PDB file of all heavy atoms in Angstrom:
ATOM      1  N   SER A   1     -33.663 -41.851 -63.012  1.00  0.00           N
ATOM      2  CA  SER A   1     -34.165 -41.689 -61.625  1.00  0.00           C
ATOM      3  C   SER A   1     -35.625 -41.941 -61.690  1.00  0.00           C
ATOM      4  O   SER A   1     -36.250 -42.212 -60.608  1.00  0.00           O
ATOM      5  CB  SER A   1     -33.778 -40.334 -61.002  1.00  0.00           C
ATOM      6  OG  SER A   1     -34.325 -39.293 -61.768  1.00  0.00           O
ATOM      7  N   PHE A   2     -36.335 -41.678 -62.767  1.00  0.00           N
ATOM      8  CA  PHE A   2     -37.752 -41.961 -62.843  1.00  0.00           C
ATOM      9  C   PHE A   2     -38.137 -43.368 -63.298  1.00  0.00           C
ATOM     10  O   PHE A   2     -39.279 -43.722 -63.101  1.00  0.00           O
ATOM     11  CB  PHE A   2     -38.445 -40.889 -63.797  1.00  0.00           C
ATOM     12  CG  PHE A   2     -38.448 -39.513 -63.224  1.00  0.00           C
ATOM     13  CD1 PHE A   2     -37.331 -38.622 -63.518  1.00  0.00           C
ATOM     14  CD2 PHE A   2     -39.465 -39.022 -62.488  1.00  0.00           C
ATOM     15  CE1 PHE A   2     -37.382 -37.380 -63.001  1.00  0.00           C
ATOM     16  CE2 PHE A   2     -39.503 -37.783 -61.946  1.00  0.00           C
ATOM     17  CZ  PHE A   2     -38.419 -36.919 -62.227  1.00  0.00           C
ATOM     18  N   VAL A   3     -37.150 -43.990 -64.028  1.00  0.00           N
ATOM     19  CA  VAL A   3     -37.465 -45.288 -64.510  1.00  0.00           C
ATOM     20  C   VAL A   3     -37.870 -46.327 -63.419  1.00  0.00           C
ATOM     21  O   VAL A   3     -38.847 -47.068 -63.569  1.00  0.00           O
ATOM     22  CB  VAL A   3     -36.216 -45.845 -65.272  1.00  0.00           C
ATOM     23  CG1 VAL A   3     -36.477 -47.308 -65.730  1.00  0.00           C
ATOM     24  CG2 VAL A   3     -36.002 -44.992 -66.497  1.00  0.00           C
ATOM     25  N   LYS A   4     -37.092 -46.313 -62.311  1.00  0.00           N
ATOM     26  CA  LYS A   4     -37.395 -47.223 -61.248  1.00  0.00           C
ATOM     27  C   LYS A   4     -38.789 -47.011 -60.644  1.00  0.00           C
ATOM     28  O   LYS A   4     -39.540 -47.828 -60.331  1.00  0.00           O
ATOM     29  CB  LYS A   4     -36.346 -47.169 -60.126  1.00  0.00           C
ATOM     30  CG  LYS A   4     -36.461 -48.202 -59.071  1.00  0.00           C
ATOM     31  CD  LYS A   4     -35.238 -48.200 -58.058  1.00  0.00           C
ATOM     32  CE  LYS A   4     -35.312 -49.256 -57.077  1.00  0.00           C
ATOM     33  NZ  LYS A   4     -36.625 -49.323 -56.279  1.00  0.00           N
ATOM     34  N   MET A   5     -39.073 -45.641 -60.537  1.00  0.00           N
ATOM     35  CA  MET A   5     -40.430 -45.325 -59.962  1.00  0.00           C
ATOM     36  C   MET A   5     -41.536 -45.855 -60.796  1.00  0.00           C
ATOM     37  O   MET A   5     -42.514 -46.358 -60.407  1.00  0.00           O
ATOM     38  CB  MET A   5     -40.464 -43.809 -59.805  1.00  0.00           C
ATOM     39  CG  MET A   5     -41.800 -43.310 -59.172  1.00  0.00           C
ATOM     40  SD  MET A   5     -41.873 -41.567 -58.941  1.00  0.00           S
ATOM     41  CE  MET A   5     -41.860 -41.045 -60.642  1.00  0.00           C
ATOM     42  N   PHE A   6     -41.363 -45.655 -62.155  1.00  0.00           N
ATOM     43  CA  PHE A   6     -42.389 -46.110 -63.108  1.00  0.00           C
ATOM     44  C   PHE A   6     -42.510 -47.660 -63.015  1.00  0.00           C
ATOM     45  O   PHE A   6     -43.641 -48.196 -63.074  1.00  0.00           O
ATOM     46  CB  PHE A   6     -42.078 -45.643 -64.546  1.00  0.00           C
ATOM     47  CG  PHE A   6     -42.053 -44.200 -64.806  1.00  0.00           C
ATOM     48  CD1 PHE A   6     -41.302 -43.622 -65.744  1.00  0.00           C
ATOM     49  CD2 PHE A   6     -42.868 -43.351 -63.969  1.00  0.00           C
ATOM     50  CE1 PHE A   6     -41.306 -42.220 -65.927  1.00  0.00           C
ATOM     51  CE2 PHE A   6     -42.869 -42.016 -64.160  1.00  0.00           C
ATOM     52  CZ  PHE A   6     -42.065 -41.463 -65.138  1.00  0.00           C
ATOM     53  N   ALA A   7     -41.440 -48.304 -62.852  1.00  0.00           N
ATOM     54  CA  ALA A   7     -41.450 -49.768 -62.832  1.00  0.00           C
ATOM     55  C   ALA A   7     -42.105 -50.217 -61.555  1.00  0.00           C
ATOM     56  O   ALA A   7     -42.853 -51.267 -61.579  1.00  0.00           O
ATOM     57  CB  ALA A   7     -39.985 -50.305 -62.863  1.00  0.00           C
ATOM     58  N   ASP A   8     -41.975 -49.536 -60.426  1.00  0.00           N
ATOM     59  CA  ASP A   8     -42.561 -49.957 -59.158  1.00  0.00           C
ATOM     60  C   ASP A   8     -44.088 -49.794 -59.222  1.00  0.00           C
ATOM     61  O   ASP A   8     -44.890 -50.657 -58.622  1.00  0.00           O
ATOM     62  CB  ASP A   8     -42.042 -49.048 -57.984  1.00  0.00           C
ATOM     63  CG  ASP A   8     -40.626 -49.386 -57.679  1.00  0.00           C
ATOM     64  OD1 ASP A   8     -40.126 -50.468 -58.030  1.00  0.00           O
ATOM     65  OD2 ASP A   8     -39.911 -48.487 -57.104  1.00  0.00           O
ATOM     66  N   PHE A   9     -44.559 -48.803 -59.863  1.00  0.00           N
ATOM     67  CA  PHE A   9     -46.032 -48.616 -60.018  1.00  0.00           C
ATOM     68  C   PHE A   9     -46.673 -49.488 -61.001  1.00  0.00           C
ATOM     69  O   PHE A   9     -47.880 -49.687 -61.058  1.00  0.00           O
ATOM     70  CB  PHE A   9     -46.357 -47.114 -60.389  1.00  0.00           C
ATOM     71  CG  PHE A   9     -46.288 -46.159 -59.104  1.00  0.00           C
ATOM     72  CD1 PHE A   9     -45.144 -45.546 -58.816  1.00  0.00           C
ATOM     73  CD2 PHE A   9     -47.438 -46.106 -58.337  1.00  0.00           C
ATOM     74  CE1 PHE A   9     -45.121 -44.729 -57.690  1.00  0.00           C
ATOM     75  CE2 PHE A   9     -47.395 -45.260 -57.201  1.00  0.00           C
ATOM     76  CZ  PHE A   9     -46.258 -44.539 -56.871  1.00  0.00           C
ATOM     77  N   GLY A  10     -45.857 -49.992 -61.946  1.00  0.00           N
ATOM     78  CA  GLY A  10     -46.348 -50.904 -62.988  1.00  0.00           C
ATOM     79  C   GLY A  10     -47.239 -50.208 -63.984  1.00  0.00           C
ATOM     80  O   GLY A  10     -47.216 -48.927 -64.080  1.00  0.00           O
ATOM     81  N   GLY A  11     -47.985 -50.920 -64.736  1.00  0.00           N
ATOM     82  CA  GLY A  11     -48.855 -50.408 -65.755  1.00  0.00           C
ATOM     83  C   GLY A  11     -48.098 -50.139 -67.062  1.00  0.00           C
ATOM     84  O   GLY A  11     -46.928 -50.273 -67.146  1.00  0.00           O
ATOM     85  N   GLU A  12     -48.953 -49.878 -68.051  1.00  0.00           N
ATOM     86  CA  GLU A  12     -48.413 -49.633 -69.370  1.00  0.00           C
ATOM     87  C   GLU A  12     -47.936 -48.198 -69.531  1.00  0.00           C
ATOM     88  O   GLU A  12     -48.786 -47.330 -69.262  1.00  0.00           O
ATOM     89  CB  GLU A  12     -49.445 -50.023 -70.374  1.00  0.00           C
ATOM     90  CG  GLU A  12     -48.851 -50.007 -71.838  1.00  0.00           C
ATOM     91  CD  GLU A  12     -49.861 -50.434 -72.848  1.00  0.00           C
ATOM     92  OE1 GLU A  12     -50.899 -50.986 -72.469  1.00  0.00           O
ATOM     93  OE2 GLU A  12     -49.617 -50.294 -74.019  1.00  0.00           O
ATOM     94  N   LEU A  13     -46.815 -47.988 -69.948  1.00  0.00           N
ATOM     95  CA  LEU A  13     -46.219 -46.644 -70.139  1.00  0.00           C
ATOM     96  C   LEU A  13     -46.606 -46.073 -71.540  1.00  0.00           C
ATOM     97  O   LEU A  13     -46.709 -46.883 -72.480  1.00  0.00           O
ATOM     98  CB  LEU A  13     -44.685 -46.624 -70.012  1.00  0.00           C
ATOM     99  CG  LEU A  13     -44.155 -46.964 -68.616  1.00  0.00           C
ATOM    100  CD1 LEU A  13     -42.595 -47.083 -68.611  1.00  0.00           C
ATOM    101  CD2 LEU A  13     -44.606 -45.894 -67.577  1.00  0.00           C
ATOM    102  N   PRO A  14     -46.749 -44.802 -71.630  1.00  0.00           N
ATOM    103  CA  PRO A  14     -47.071 -44.163 -72.920  1.00  0.00           C
ATOM    104  C   PRO A  14     -45.913 -44.408 -73.890  1.00  0.00           C
ATOM    105  O   PRO A  14     -44.761 -44.611 -73.520  1.00  0.00           O
ATOM    106  CB  PRO A  14     -47.264 -42.707 -72.650  1.00  0.00           C
ATOM    107  CG  PRO A  14     -47.520 -42.654 -71.158  1.00  0.00           C
ATOM    108  CD  PRO A  14     -46.834 -43.805 -70.559  1.00  0.00           C
ATOM    109  N   ALA A  15     -46.210 -44.361 -75.249  1.00  0.00           N
ATOM    110  CA  ALA A  15     -45.236 -44.616 -76.220  1.00  0.00           C
ATOM    111  C   ALA A  15     -44.063 -43.660 -76.139  1.00  0.00           C
ATOM    112  O   ALA A  15     -42.882 -44.030 -76.269  1.00  0.00           O
ATOM    113  CB  ALA A  15     -45.829 -44.578 -77.568  1.00  0.00           C
ATOM    114  N   ILE A  16     -44.359 -42.381 -75.823  1.00  0.00           N
ATOM    115  CA  ILE A  16     -43.234 -41.339 -75.774  1.00  0.00           C
ATOM    116  C   ILE A  16     -42.366 -41.609 -74.607  1.00  0.00           C
ATOM    117  O   ILE A  16     -41.100 -41.424 -74.765  1.00  0.00           O
ATOM    118  CB  ILE A  16     -43.931 -39.924 -75.624  1.00  0.00           C
ATOM    119  CG1 ILE A  16     -42.829 -38.898 -75.780  1.00  0.00           C
ATOM    120  CG2 ILE A  16     -44.674 -39.772 -74.307  1.00  0.00           C
ATOM    121  CD1 ILE A  16     -43.343 -37.425 -75.787  1.00  0.00           C
ATOM    122  N   THR A  17     -42.887 -42.103 -73.501  1.00  0.00           N
ATOM    123  CA  THR A  17     -42.043 -42.443 -72.333  1.00  0.00           C
ATOM    124  C   THR A  17     -41.113 -43.719 -72.632  1.00  0.00           C
ATOM    125  O   THR A  17     -39.922 -43.726 -72.280  1.00  0.00           O
ATOM    126  CB  THR A  17     -42.888 -42.794 -71.110  1.00  0.00           C
ATOM    127  OG1 THR A  17     -43.812 -41.678 -70.890  1.00  0.00           O
ATOM    128  CG2 THR A  17     -42.068 -43.021 -69.897  1.00  0.00           C
ATOM    129  N   VAL A  18     -41.700 -44.662 -73.305  1.00  0.00           N
ATOM    130  CA  VAL A  18     -40.914 -45.926 -73.722  1.00  0.00           C
ATOM    131  C   VAL A  18     -39.752 -45.445 -74.635  1.00  0.00           C
ATOM    132  O   VAL A  18     -38.584 -45.923 -74.440  1.00  0.00           O
ATOM    133  CB  VAL A  18     -41.785 -46.889 -74.386  1.00  0.00           C
ATOM    134  CG1 VAL A  18     -40.994 -48.082 -74.945  1.00  0.00           C
ATOM    135  CG2 VAL A  18     -42.885 -47.450 -73.488  1.00  0.00           C
ATOM    136  N   PHE A  19     -40.102 -44.577 -75.543  1.00  0.00           N
ATOM    137  CA  PHE A  19     -39.023 -44.102 -76.453  1.00  0.00           C
ATOM    138  C   PHE A  19     -37.903 -43.409 -75.714  1.00  0.00           C
ATOM    139  O   PHE A  19     -36.695 -43.645 -76.029  1.00  0.00           O
ATOM    140  CB  PHE A  19     -39.656 -43.138 -77.585  1.00  0.00           C
ATOM    141  CG  PHE A  19     -38.691 -42.470 -78.394  1.00  0.00           C
ATOM    142  CD1 PHE A  19     -38.093 -43.156 -79.477  1.00  0.00           C
ATOM    143  CD2 PHE A  19     -38.370 -41.144 -78.174  1.00  0.00           C
ATOM    144  CE1 PHE A  19     -37.156 -42.476 -80.202  1.00  0.00           C
ATOM    145  CE2 PHE A  19     -37.441 -40.490 -78.939  1.00  0.00           C
ATOM    146  CZ  PHE A  19     -36.796 -41.163 -80.000  1.00  0.00           C
ATOM    147  N   VAL A  20     -38.272 -42.515 -74.799  1.00  0.00           N
ATOM    148  CA  VAL A  20     -37.239 -41.795 -74.069  1.00  0.00           C
ATOM    149  C   VAL A  20     -36.460 -42.671 -73.134  1.00  0.00           C
ATOM    150  O   VAL A  20     -35.239 -42.501 -73.039  1.00  0.00           O
ATOM    151  CB  VAL A  20     -37.929 -40.566 -73.262  1.00  0.00           C
ATOM    152  CG1 VAL A  20     -36.919 -39.971 -72.290  1.00  0.00           C
ATOM    153  CG2 VAL A  20     -38.527 -39.600 -74.173  1.00  0.00           C
ATOM    154  N   ILE A  21     -37.106 -43.629 -72.595  1.00  0.00           N
ATOM    155  CA  ILE A  21     -36.349 -44.573 -71.694  1.00  0.00           C
ATOM    156  C   ILE A  21     -35.362 -45.436 -72.522  1.00  0.00           C
ATOM    157  O   ILE A  21     -34.209 -45.645 -72.064  1.00  0.00           O
ATOM    158  CB  ILE A  21     -37.325 -45.575 -70.971  1.00  0.00           C
ATOM    159  CG1 ILE A  21     -38.155 -44.716 -69.884  1.00  0.00           C
ATOM    160  CG2 ILE A  21     -36.638 -46.702 -70.338  1.00  0.00           C
ATOM    161  CD1 ILE A  21     -39.247 -45.493 -69.210  1.00  0.00           C
ATOM    162  N   ASN A  22     -35.784 -45.854 -73.705  1.00  0.00           N
ATOM    163  CA  ASN A  22     -34.873 -46.574 -74.577  1.00  0.00           C
ATOM    164  C   ASN A  22     -33.671 -45.764 -74.967  1.00  0.00           C
ATOM    165  O   ASN A  22     -32.577 -46.197 -75.075  1.00  0.00           O
ATOM    166  CB  ASN A  22     -35.628 -47.099 -75.782  1.00  0.00           C
ATOM    167  CG  ASN A  22     -36.604 -48.195 -75.476  1.00  0.00           C
ATOM    168  OD1 ASN A  22     -36.494 -48.965 -74.409  1.00  0.00           O
ATOM    169  ND2 ASN A  22     -37.635 -48.389 -76.332  1.00  0.00           N
ATOM    170  N   ALA A  23     -33.992 -44.521 -75.263  1.00  0.00           N
ATOM    171  CA  ALA A  23     -32.982 -43.546 -75.703  1.00  0.00           C
ATOM    172  C   ALA A  23     -31.949 -43.322 -74.539  1.00  0.00           C
ATOM    173  O   ALA A  23     -30.742 -43.208 -74.725  1.00  0.00           O
ATOM    174  CB  ALA A  23     -33.465 -42.242 -76.172  1.00  0.00           C
ATOM    175  N   SER A  24     -32.490 -43.290 -73.312  1.00  0.00           N
ATOM    176  CA  SER A  24     -31.642 -43.040 -72.114  1.00  0.00           C
ATOM    177  C   SER A  24     -30.802 -44.249 -71.913  1.00  0.00           C
ATOM    178  O   SER A  24     -29.571 -44.047 -71.611  1.00  0.00           O
ATOM    179  CB  SER A  24     -32.609 -42.860 -70.916  1.00  0.00           C
ATOM    180  OG  SER A  24     -31.857 -42.780 -69.712  1.00  0.00           O
ATOM    181  N   GLU A  25     -31.332 -45.511 -72.020  1.00  0.00           N
ATOM    182  CA  GLU A  25     -30.484 -46.659 -71.902  1.00  0.00           C
ATOM    183  C   GLU A  25     -29.411 -46.753 -72.902  1.00  0.00           C
ATOM    184  O   GLU A  25     -28.249 -47.112 -72.669  1.00  0.00           O
ATOM    185  CB  GLU A  25     -31.406 -47.948 -71.863  1.00  0.00           C
ATOM    186  CG  GLU A  25     -32.332 -48.010 -70.710  1.00  0.00           C
ATOM    187  CD  GLU A  25     -33.336 -49.135 -70.860  1.00  0.00           C
ATOM    188  OE1 GLU A  25     -33.412 -49.737 -71.970  1.00  0.00           O
ATOM    189  OE2 GLU A  25     -34.033 -49.463 -69.887  1.00  0.00           O
ATOM    190  N   TRP A  26     -29.791 -46.404 -74.129  1.00  0.00           N
ATOM    191  CA  TRP A  26     -28.729 -46.385 -75.288  1.00  0.00           C
ATOM    192  C   TRP A  26     -27.659 -45.474 -75.013  1.00  0.00           C
ATOM    193  O   TRP A  26     -26.537 -45.741 -75.220  1.00  0.00           O
ATOM    194  CB  TRP A  26     -29.521 -46.110 -76.587  1.00  0.00           C
ATOM    195  CG  TRP A  26     -28.558 -46.358 -77.772  1.00  0.00           C
ATOM    196  CD1 TRP A  26     -28.394 -47.460 -78.489  1.00  0.00           C
ATOM    197  CD2 TRP A  26     -27.681 -45.332 -78.387  1.00  0.00           C
ATOM    198  NE1 TRP A  26     -27.523 -47.259 -79.529  1.00  0.00           N
ATOM    199  CE2 TRP A  26     -27.047 -45.993 -79.452  1.00  0.00           C
ATOM    200  CE3 TRP A  26     -27.450 -43.957 -78.073  1.00  0.00           C
ATOM    201  CZ2 TRP A  26     -26.162 -45.264 -80.246  1.00  0.00           C
ATOM    202  CZ3 TRP A  26     -26.566 -43.317 -78.873  1.00  0.00           C
ATOM    203  CH2 TRP A  26     -25.901 -43.971 -79.933  1.00  0.00           C
ATOM    204  N   THR A  27     -28.062 -44.233 -74.613  1.00  0.00           N
ATOM    205  CA  THR A  27     -27.058 -43.143 -74.369  1.00  0.00           C
ATOM    206  C   THR A  27     -26.162 -43.523 -73.176  1.00  0.00           C
ATOM    207  O   THR A  27     -24.892 -43.311 -73.297  1.00  0.00           O
ATOM    208  CB  THR A  27     -27.743 -41.873 -73.952  1.00  0.00           C
ATOM    209  OG1 THR A  27     -28.720 -41.501 -75.016  1.00  0.00           O
ATOM    210  CG2 THR A  27     -26.797 -40.665 -73.805  1.00  0.00           C
ATOM    211  N   GLN A  28     -26.713 -44.153 -72.096  1.00  0.00           N
ATOM    212  CA  GLN A  28     -25.816 -44.558 -70.976  1.00  0.00           C
ATOM    213  C   GLN A  28     -24.794 -45.624 -71.429  1.00  0.00           C
ATOM    214  O   GLN A  28     -23.693 -45.618 -70.944  1.00  0.00           O
ATOM    215  CB  GLN A  28     -26.695 -45.160 -69.881  1.00  0.00           C
ATOM    216  CG  GLN A  28     -27.494 -44.043 -69.159  1.00  0.00           C
ATOM    217  CD  GLN A  28     -28.443 -44.671 -68.120  1.00  0.00           C
ATOM    218  OE1 GLN A  28     -28.049 -45.131 -67.102  1.00  0.00           O
ATOM    219  NE2 GLN A  28     -29.757 -44.696 -68.398  1.00  0.00           N
ATOM    220  N   SER A  29     -25.171 -46.461 -72.362  1.00  0.00           N
ATOM    221  CA  SER A  29     -24.308 -47.568 -72.845  1.00  0.00           C
ATOM    222  C   SER A  29     -23.259 -47.066 -73.811  1.00  0.00           C
ATOM    223  O   SER A  29     -22.141 -47.567 -73.870  1.00  0.00           O
ATOM    224  CB  SER A  29     -25.134 -48.644 -73.427  1.00  0.00           C
ATOM    225  OG  SER A  29     -26.050 -49.146 -72.491  1.00  0.00           O
ATOM    226  N   TYR A  30     -23.605 -46.044 -74.684  1.00  0.00           N
ATOM    227  CA  TYR A  30     -22.784 -45.750 -75.812  1.00  0.00           C
ATOM    228  C   TYR A  30     -22.373 -44.297 -75.833  1.00  0.00           C
ATOM    229  O   TYR A  30     -21.883 -43.829 -76.875  1.00  0.00           O
ATOM    230  CB  TYR A  30     -23.449 -46.092 -77.174  1.00  0.00           C
ATOM    231  CG  TYR A  30     -23.840 -47.543 -77.195  1.00  0.00           C
ATOM    232  CD1 TYR A  30     -25.225 -47.966 -77.116  1.00  0.00           C
ATOM    233  CD2 TYR A  30     -22.897 -48.484 -77.529  1.00  0.00           C
ATOM    234  CE1 TYR A  30     -25.474 -49.278 -77.256  1.00  0.00           C
ATOM    235  CE2 TYR A  30     -23.197 -49.811 -77.664  1.00  0.00           C
ATOM    236  CZ  TYR A  30     -24.552 -50.232 -77.519  1.00  0.00           C
ATOM    237  OH  TYR A  30     -24.840 -51.547 -77.620  1.00  0.00           O
ATOM    238  N   TRP A  31     -22.504 -43.490 -74.793  1.00  0.00           N
ATOM    239  CA  TRP A  31     -22.184 -42.039 -74.889  1.00  0.00           C
ATOM    240  C   TRP A  31     -20.676 -41.822 -75.192  1.00  0.00           C
ATOM    241  O   TRP A  31     -20.381 -40.875 -75.922  1.00  0.00           O
ATOM    242  CB  TRP A  31     -22.636 -41.380 -73.570  1.00  0.00           C
ATOM    243  CG  TRP A  31     -21.809 -41.771 -72.361  1.00  0.00           C
ATOM    244  CD1 TRP A  31     -22.068 -42.812 -71.501  1.00  0.00           C
ATOM    245  CD2 TRP A  31     -20.566 -41.077 -71.860  1.00  0.00           C
ATOM    246  NE1 TRP A  31     -21.104 -42.902 -70.482  1.00  0.00           N
ATOM    247  CE2 TRP A  31     -20.230 -41.779 -70.652  1.00  0.00           C
ATOM    248  CE3 TRP A  31     -19.865 -40.016 -72.270  1.00  0.00           C
ATOM    249  CZ2 TRP A  31     -19.147 -41.412 -69.945  1.00  0.00           C
ATOM    250  CZ3 TRP A  31     -18.809 -39.598 -71.460  1.00  0.00           C
ATOM    251  CH2 TRP A  31     -18.432 -40.375 -70.341  1.00  0.00           C
ATOM    252  N   LEU A  32     -19.870 -42.656 -74.730  1.00  0.00           N
ATOM    253  CA  LEU A  32     -18.433 -42.485 -75.078  1.00  0.00           C
ATOM    254  C   LEU A  32     -18.129 -42.712 -76.540  1.00  0.00           C
ATOM    255  O   LEU A  32     -17.317 -41.997 -77.168  1.00  0.00           O
ATOM    256  CB  LEU A  32     -17.596 -43.532 -74.222  1.00  0.00           C
ATOM    257  CG  LEU A  32     -17.253 -43.086 -72.757  1.00  0.00           C
ATOM    258  CD1 LEU A  32     -16.549 -44.238 -72.116  1.00  0.00           C
ATOM    259  CD2 LEU A  32     -16.385 -41.847 -72.839  1.00  0.00           C
ATOM    260  N   LEU A  33     -18.894 -43.689 -77.116  1.00  0.00           N
ATOM    261  CA  LEU A  33     -18.744 -43.931 -78.588  1.00  0.00           C
ATOM    262  C   LEU A  33     -19.250 -42.678 -79.346  1.00  0.00           C
ATOM    263  O   LEU A  33     -18.686 -42.359 -80.403  1.00  0.00           O
ATOM    264  CB  LEU A  33     -19.501 -45.183 -78.986  1.00  0.00           C
ATOM    265  CG  LEU A  33     -18.869 -46.508 -78.538  1.00  0.00           C
ATOM    266  CD1 LEU A  33     -19.772 -47.679 -79.026  1.00  0.00           C
ATOM    267  CD2 LEU A  33     -17.528 -46.674 -79.195  1.00  0.00           C
ATOM    268  N   VAL A  34     -20.326 -42.140 -78.884  1.00  0.00           N
ATOM    269  CA  VAL A  34     -20.893 -40.933 -79.585  1.00  0.00           C
ATOM    270  C   VAL A  34     -19.838 -39.749 -79.576  1.00  0.00           C
ATOM    271  O   VAL A  34     -19.553 -39.123 -80.566  1.00  0.00           O
ATOM    272  CB  VAL A  34     -22.183 -40.492 -78.878  1.00  0.00           C
ATOM    273  CG1 VAL A  34     -22.691 -39.144 -79.482  1.00  0.00           C
ATOM    274  CG2 VAL A  34     -23.237 -41.545 -79.094  1.00  0.00           C
ATOM    275  N   ILE A  35     -19.234 -39.549 -78.351  1.00  0.00           N
ATOM    276  CA  ILE A  35     -18.256 -38.435 -78.331  1.00  0.00           C
ATOM    277  C   ILE A  35     -16.993 -38.763 -79.212  1.00  0.00           C
ATOM    278  O   ILE A  35     -16.482 -37.913 -79.833  1.00  0.00           O
ATOM    279  CB  ILE A  35     -17.745 -38.344 -76.787  1.00  0.00           C
ATOM    280  CG1 ILE A  35     -18.908 -37.758 -75.934  1.00  0.00           C
ATOM    281  CG2 ILE A  35     -16.517 -37.409 -76.705  1.00  0.00           C
ATOM    282  CD1 ILE A  35     -18.588 -37.764 -74.474  1.00  0.00           C
ATOM    283  N   LEU A  36     -16.592 -40.066 -79.138  1.00  0.00           N
ATOM    284  CA  LEU A  36     -15.481 -40.450 -80.064  1.00  0.00           C
ATOM    285  C   LEU A  36     -15.820 -40.244 -81.459  1.00  0.00           C
ATOM    286  O   LEU A  36     -14.996 -39.779 -82.270  1.00  0.00           O
ATOM    287  CB  LEU A  36     -15.169 -41.935 -79.733  1.00  0.00           C
ATOM    288  CG  LEU A  36     -13.942 -42.479 -80.533  1.00  0.00           C
ATOM    289  CD1 LEU A  36     -12.712 -41.782 -80.195  1.00  0.00           C
ATOM    290  CD2 LEU A  36     -13.792 -43.948 -80.283  1.00  0.00           C
ATOM    291  N   PHE A  37     -17.032 -40.624 -81.899  1.00  0.00           N
ATOM    292  CA  PHE A  37     -17.480 -40.380 -83.237  1.00  0.00           C
ATOM    293  C   PHE A  37     -17.463 -38.910 -83.677  1.00  0.00           C
ATOM    294  O   PHE A  37     -16.961 -38.590 -84.741  1.00  0.00           O
ATOM    295  CB  PHE A  37     -18.876 -40.979 -83.485  1.00  0.00           C
ATOM    296  CG  PHE A  37     -19.515 -40.630 -84.799  1.00  0.00           C
ATOM    297  CD1 PHE A  37     -19.137 -41.317 -85.974  1.00  0.00           C
ATOM    298  CD2 PHE A  37     -20.464 -39.628 -84.910  1.00  0.00           C
ATOM    299  CE1 PHE A  37     -19.690 -40.949 -87.225  1.00  0.00           C
ATOM    300  CE2 PHE A  37     -21.026 -39.268 -86.109  1.00  0.00           C
ATOM    301  CZ  PHE A  37     -20.606 -39.951 -87.268  1.00  0.00           C
ATOM    302  N   LEU A  38     -17.889 -38.069 -82.787  1.00  0.00           N
ATOM    303  CA  LEU A  38     -17.907 -36.606 -83.053  1.00  0.00           C
ATOM    304  C   LEU A  38     -16.532 -36.085 -83.259  1.00  0.00           C
ATOM    305  O   LEU A  38     -16.261 -35.254 -84.169  1.00  0.00           O
ATOM    306  CB  LEU A  38     -18.675 -35.878 -82.019  1.00  0.00           C
ATOM    307  CG  LEU A  38     -20.181 -36.078 -81.913  1.00  0.00           C
ATOM    308  CD1 LEU A  38     -20.789 -35.399 -80.673  1.00  0.00           C
ATOM    309  CD2 LEU A  38     -20.892 -35.696 -83.155  1.00  0.00           C
ATOM    310  N   ILE A  39     -15.675 -36.591 -82.394  1.00  0.00           N
ATOM    311  CA  ILE A  39     -14.217 -36.144 -82.437  1.00  0.00           C
ATOM    312  C   ILE A  39     -13.602 -36.550 -83.831  1.00  0.00           C
ATOM    313  O   ILE A  39     -12.961 -35.740 -84.509  1.00  0.00           O
ATOM    314  CB  ILE A  39     -13.468 -36.596 -81.267  1.00  0.00           C
ATOM    315  CG1 ILE A  39     -13.881 -35.872 -79.951  1.00  0.00           C
ATOM    316  CG2 ILE A  39     -11.914 -36.408 -81.407  1.00  0.00           C
ATOM    317  CD1 ILE A  39     -13.362 -36.503 -78.669  1.00  0.00           C
ATOM    318  N   LEU A  40     -13.870 -37.872 -84.094  1.00  0.00           N
ATOM    319  CA  LEU A  40     -13.218 -38.399 -85.361  1.00  0.00           C
ATOM    320  C   LEU A  40     -13.805 -37.746 -86.548  1.00  0.00           C
ATOM    321  O   LEU A  40     -13.150 -37.473 -87.603  1.00  0.00           O
ATOM    322  CB  LEU A  40     -13.509 -39.907 -85.375  1.00  0.00           C
ATOM    323  CG  LEU A  40     -12.720 -40.744 -84.375  1.00  0.00           C
ATOM    324  CD1 LEU A  40     -13.112 -42.224 -84.422  1.00  0.00           C
ATOM    325  CD2 LEU A  40     -11.232 -40.710 -84.582  1.00  0.00           C
ATOM    326  N   PHE A  41     -15.086 -37.392 -86.434  1.00  0.00           N
ATOM    327  CA  PHE A  41     -15.816 -36.717 -87.548  1.00  0.00           C
ATOM    328  C   PHE A  41     -15.200 -35.384 -87.808  1.00  0.00           C
ATOM    329  O   PHE A  41     -14.908 -35.004 -88.941  1.00  0.00           O
ATOM    330  CB  PHE A  41     -17.322 -36.663 -87.329  1.00  0.00           C
ATOM    331  CG  PHE A  41     -18.047 -35.957 -88.427  1.00  0.00           C
ATOM    332  CD1 PHE A  41     -18.433 -36.618 -89.566  1.00  0.00           C
ATOM    333  CD2 PHE A  41     -18.451 -34.579 -88.268  1.00  0.00           C
ATOM    334  CE1 PHE A  41     -19.146 -35.916 -90.608  1.00  0.00           C
ATOM    335  CE2 PHE A  41     -19.138 -34.024 -89.246  1.00  0.00           C
ATOM    336  CZ  PHE A  41     -19.450 -34.596 -90.410  1.00  0.00           C
ATOM    337  N   GLY A  42     -15.055 -34.585 -86.728  1.00  0.00           N
ATOM    338  CA  GLY A  42     -14.444 -33.320 -86.864  1.00  0.00           C
ATOM    339  C   GLY A  42     -13.036 -33.392 -87.364  1.00  0.00           C
ATOM    340  O   GLY A  42     -12.599 -32.572 -88.226  1.00  0.00           O
ATOM    341  N   ALA A  43     -12.267 -34.281 -86.861  1.00  0.00           N
ATOM    342  CA  ALA A  43     -10.885 -34.393 -87.307  1.00  0.00           C
ATOM    343  C   ALA A  43     -10.797 -34.877 -88.778  1.00  0.00           C
ATOM    344  O   ALA A  43      -9.956 -34.389 -89.549  1.00  0.00           O
ATOM    345  CB  ALA A  43     -10.108 -35.521 -86.400  1.00  0.00           C
ATOM    346  N   GLY A  44     -11.690 -35.757 -89.175  1.00  0.00           N
ATOM    347  CA  GLY A  44     -11.804 -36.270 -90.452  1.00  0.00           C
ATOM    348  C   GLY A  44     -12.134 -35.135 -91.499  1.00  0.00           C
ATOM    349  O   GLY A  44     -11.472 -35.050 -92.579  1.00  0.00           O
TER     350      GLY A  44
END
């Protein structure tokens, strides 16, 4: 919800913000795989 606001204002984002945004995008794309991995790991 904050990513679009930061994009509208432009400017260079701090490194910590870039890292968290990348982590957020990765989590949105692969969260199901993460859950599946944890289940398989526990079962294994």
